[in-house]
Amino acid sequence: MSGVDKLKNKAQELTGEGKEKVGDATDNRDLQAEGEKDQAAGNLKQAGEKVKDVFK
């Protein structure tokens, strides 16, 4: 996994975590759901990169 991709995926996870926490604090369900979605997308991308690394 390239370092740039790893950082981008981690940034997406952290952004999602922040959105989720702000959504919880403000009782904004849409923002909370968006944060959860961003976290899941970041995790999925990291998993895909790890699979690609195995087959290199």
N, C-alpha and C. Protein backbone atom coordinates (compact mmCIF):
# COMPACT_ATOMS: atom_id res chain seq x y z
N MET A 1 0.87 -1.16 0.00
CA MET A 1 0.00 0.00 0.00
C MET A 1 0.91 1.22 0.00
N SER A 2 0.62 2.13 -0.92
CA SER A 2 1.47 3.33 -0.94
C SER A 2 1.16 4.20 0.27
N GLY A 3 2.16 4.94 0.67
CA GLY A 3 2.01 5.81 1.84
C GLY A 3 0.95 6.87 1.64
N VAL A 4 0.85 7.40 0.42
CA VAL A 4 -0.14 8.44 0.13
C VAL A 4 -1.55 7.89 0.25
N ASP A 5 -1.77 6.70 -0.31
CA ASP A 5 -3.10 6.08 -0.22
C ASP A 5 -3.46 5.80 1.23
N LYS A 6 -2.49 5.31 1.98
CA LYS A 6 -2.73 4.99 3.39
C LYS A 6 -3.14 6.24 4.16
N LEU A 7 -2.44 7.36 3.90
CA LEU A 7 -2.77 8.61 4.57
C LEU A 7 -4.14 9.13 4.17
N LYS A 8 -4.46 9.02 2.89
CA LYS A 8 -5.78 9.48 2.42
C LYS A 8 -6.90 8.67 3.07
N ASN A 9 -6.72 7.37 3.14
CA ASN A 9 -7.74 6.52 3.74
C ASN A 9 -7.90 6.80 5.23
N LYS A 10 -6.77 7.00 5.90
CA LYS A 10 -6.82 7.30 7.34
C LYS A 10 -7.47 8.65 7.57
N ALA A 11 -7.17 9.62 6.70
CA ALA A 11 -7.78 10.95 6.82
C ALA A 11 -9.29 10.85 6.65
N GLN A 12 -9.73 10.01 5.71
CA GLN A 12 -11.16 9.84 5.50
C GLN A 12 -11.81 9.22 6.74
N GLU A 13 -11.14 8.26 7.35
CA GLU A 13 -11.68 7.66 8.57
C GLU A 13 -11.79 8.69 9.69
N LEU A 14 -10.73 9.48 9.87
CA LEU A 14 -10.72 10.47 10.95
C LEU A 14 -11.75 11.57 10.70
N THR A 15 -11.91 11.97 9.45
CA THR A 15 -12.93 12.96 9.11
C THR A 15 -14.32 12.40 9.43
N GLY A 16 -14.53 11.15 9.08
CA GLY A 16 -15.80 10.50 9.38
C GLY A 16 -16.06 10.41 10.87
N GLU A 17 -15.02 10.11 11.62
CA GLU A 17 -15.17 10.03 13.07
C GLU A 17 -15.54 11.39 13.65
N GLY A 18 -14.90 12.43 13.14
CA GLY A 18 -15.22 13.79 13.59
C GLY A 18 -16.65 14.17 13.26
N LYS A 19 -17.08 13.86 12.05
CA LYS A 19 -18.45 14.17 11.65
C LYS A 19 -19.45 13.44 12.53
N GLU A 20 -19.15 12.17 12.81
CA GLU A 20 -20.05 11.38 13.64
C GLU A 20 -20.17 11.99 15.04
N LYS A 21 -19.04 12.40 15.62
CA LYS A 21 -19.06 12.98 16.96
C LYS A 21 -19.81 14.32 16.98
N VAL A 22 -19.58 15.14 15.96
CA VAL A 22 -20.31 16.42 15.88
C VAL A 22 -21.79 16.15 15.70
N GLY A 23 -22.14 15.17 14.89
CA GLY A 23 -23.54 14.80 14.70
C GLY A 23 -24.19 14.33 15.99
N ASP A 24 -23.44 13.56 16.78
CA ASP A 24 -23.94 13.12 18.08
C ASP A 24 -24.17 14.32 19.01
N ALA A 25 -23.18 15.20 19.04
CA ALA A 25 -23.25 16.34 19.96
C ALA A 25 -24.38 17.30 19.60
N THR A 26 -24.65 17.45 18.32
CA THR A 26 -25.68 18.41 17.87
C THR A 26 -27.00 17.73 17.57
N ASP A 27 -27.06 16.43 17.80
CA ASP A 27 -28.26 15.64 17.50
C ASP A 27 -28.65 15.75 16.03
N ASN A 28 -27.62 15.77 15.16
CA ASN A 28 -27.82 15.85 13.72
C ASN A 28 -27.61 14.44 13.15
N ARG A 29 -28.71 13.75 12.90
CA ARG A 29 -28.64 12.35 12.44
C ARG A 29 -28.00 12.24 11.05
N ASP A 30 -28.23 13.21 10.17
CA ASP A 30 -27.66 13.17 8.83
C ASP A 30 -26.14 13.25 8.89
N LEU A 31 -25.61 14.15 9.69
CA LEU A 31 -24.17 14.30 9.82
C LEU A 31 -23.56 13.06 10.48
N GLN A 32 -24.25 12.51 11.43
CA GLN A 32 -23.79 11.30 12.10
C GLN A 32 -23.71 10.14 11.10
N ALA A 33 -24.73 9.99 10.28
CA ALA A 33 -24.75 8.92 9.28
C ALA A 33 -23.66 9.14 8.23
N GLU A 34 -23.44 10.39 7.84
CA GLU A 34 -22.39 10.69 6.87
C GLU A 34 -21.02 10.33 7.44
N GLY A 35 -20.83 10.60 8.72
CA GLY A 35 -19.57 10.24 9.37
C GLY A 35 -19.36 8.74 9.41
N GLU A 36 -20.40 8.01 9.71
CA GLU A 36 -20.30 6.55 9.73
C GLU A 36 -19.98 6.02 8.34
N LYS A 37 -20.60 6.62 7.32
CA LYS A 37 -20.36 6.20 5.94
C LYS A 37 -18.90 6.48 5.54
N ASP A 38 -18.38 7.63 5.91
CA ASP A 38 -17.00 7.97 5.59
C ASP A 38 -16.03 7.01 6.27
N GLN A 39 -16.30 6.67 7.51
CA GLN A 39 -15.44 5.72 8.23
C GLN A 39 -15.44 4.37 7.54
N ALA A 40 -16.62 3.90 7.16
CA ALA A 40 -16.73 2.60 6.50
C ALA A 40 -16.01 2.61 5.16
N ALA A 41 -16.14 3.70 4.42
CA ALA A 41 -15.47 3.79 3.12
C ALA A 41 -13.96 3.77 3.29
N GLY A 42 -13.45 4.48 4.26
CA GLY A 42 -12.01 4.49 4.52
C GLY A 42 -11.50 3.11 4.91
N ASN A 43 -12.25 2.42 5.74
CA ASN A 43 -11.86 1.06 6.16
C ASN A 43 -11.87 0.11 4.97
N LEU A 44 -12.88 0.23 4.11
CA LEU A 44 -13.00 -0.64 2.95
C LEU A 44 -11.85 -0.40 1.98
N LYS A 45 -11.50 0.85 1.78
CA LYS A 45 -10.39 1.17 0.88
C LYS A 45 -9.08 0.60 1.42
N GLN A 46 -8.88 0.70 2.72
CA GLN A 46 -7.65 0.16 3.31
C GLN A 46 -7.61 -1.36 3.15
N ALA A 47 -8.73 -2.00 3.32
CA ALA A 47 -8.77 -3.46 3.14
C ALA A 47 -8.45 -3.82 1.70
N GLY A 48 -8.99 -3.07 0.74
CA GLY A 48 -8.71 -3.33 -0.66
C GLY A 48 -7.24 -3.14 -0.99
N GLU A 49 -6.62 -2.13 -0.44
CA GLU A 49 -5.20 -1.89 -0.66
C GLU A 49 -4.36 -3.04 -0.08
N LYS A 50 -4.76 -3.53 1.07
CA LYS A 50 -4.03 -4.64 1.69
C LYS A 50 -4.13 -5.90 0.84
N VAL A 51 -5.30 -6.14 0.25
CA VAL A 51 -5.47 -7.30 -0.63
C VAL A 51 -4.58 -7.16 -1.86
N LYS A 52 -4.54 -5.95 -2.41
CA LYS A 52 -3.67 -5.72 -3.57
C LYS A 52 -2.21 -5.97 -3.22
N ASP A 53 -1.80 -5.55 -2.03
CA ASP A 53 -0.42 -5.75 -1.60
C ASP A 53 -0.06 -7.23 -1.49
N VAL A 54 -1.03 -8.04 -1.09
CA VAL A 54 -0.77 -9.48 -0.95
C VAL A 54 -0.45 -10.09 -2.30
N PHE A 55 -1.09 -9.61 -3.36
CA PHE A 55 -0.92 -10.22 -4.67
C PHE A 55 0.18 -9.57 -5.51
N LYS A 56 0.97 -8.68 -4.92
CA LYS A 56 2.09 -8.06 -5.65
C LYS A 56 3.29 -8.96 -5.64
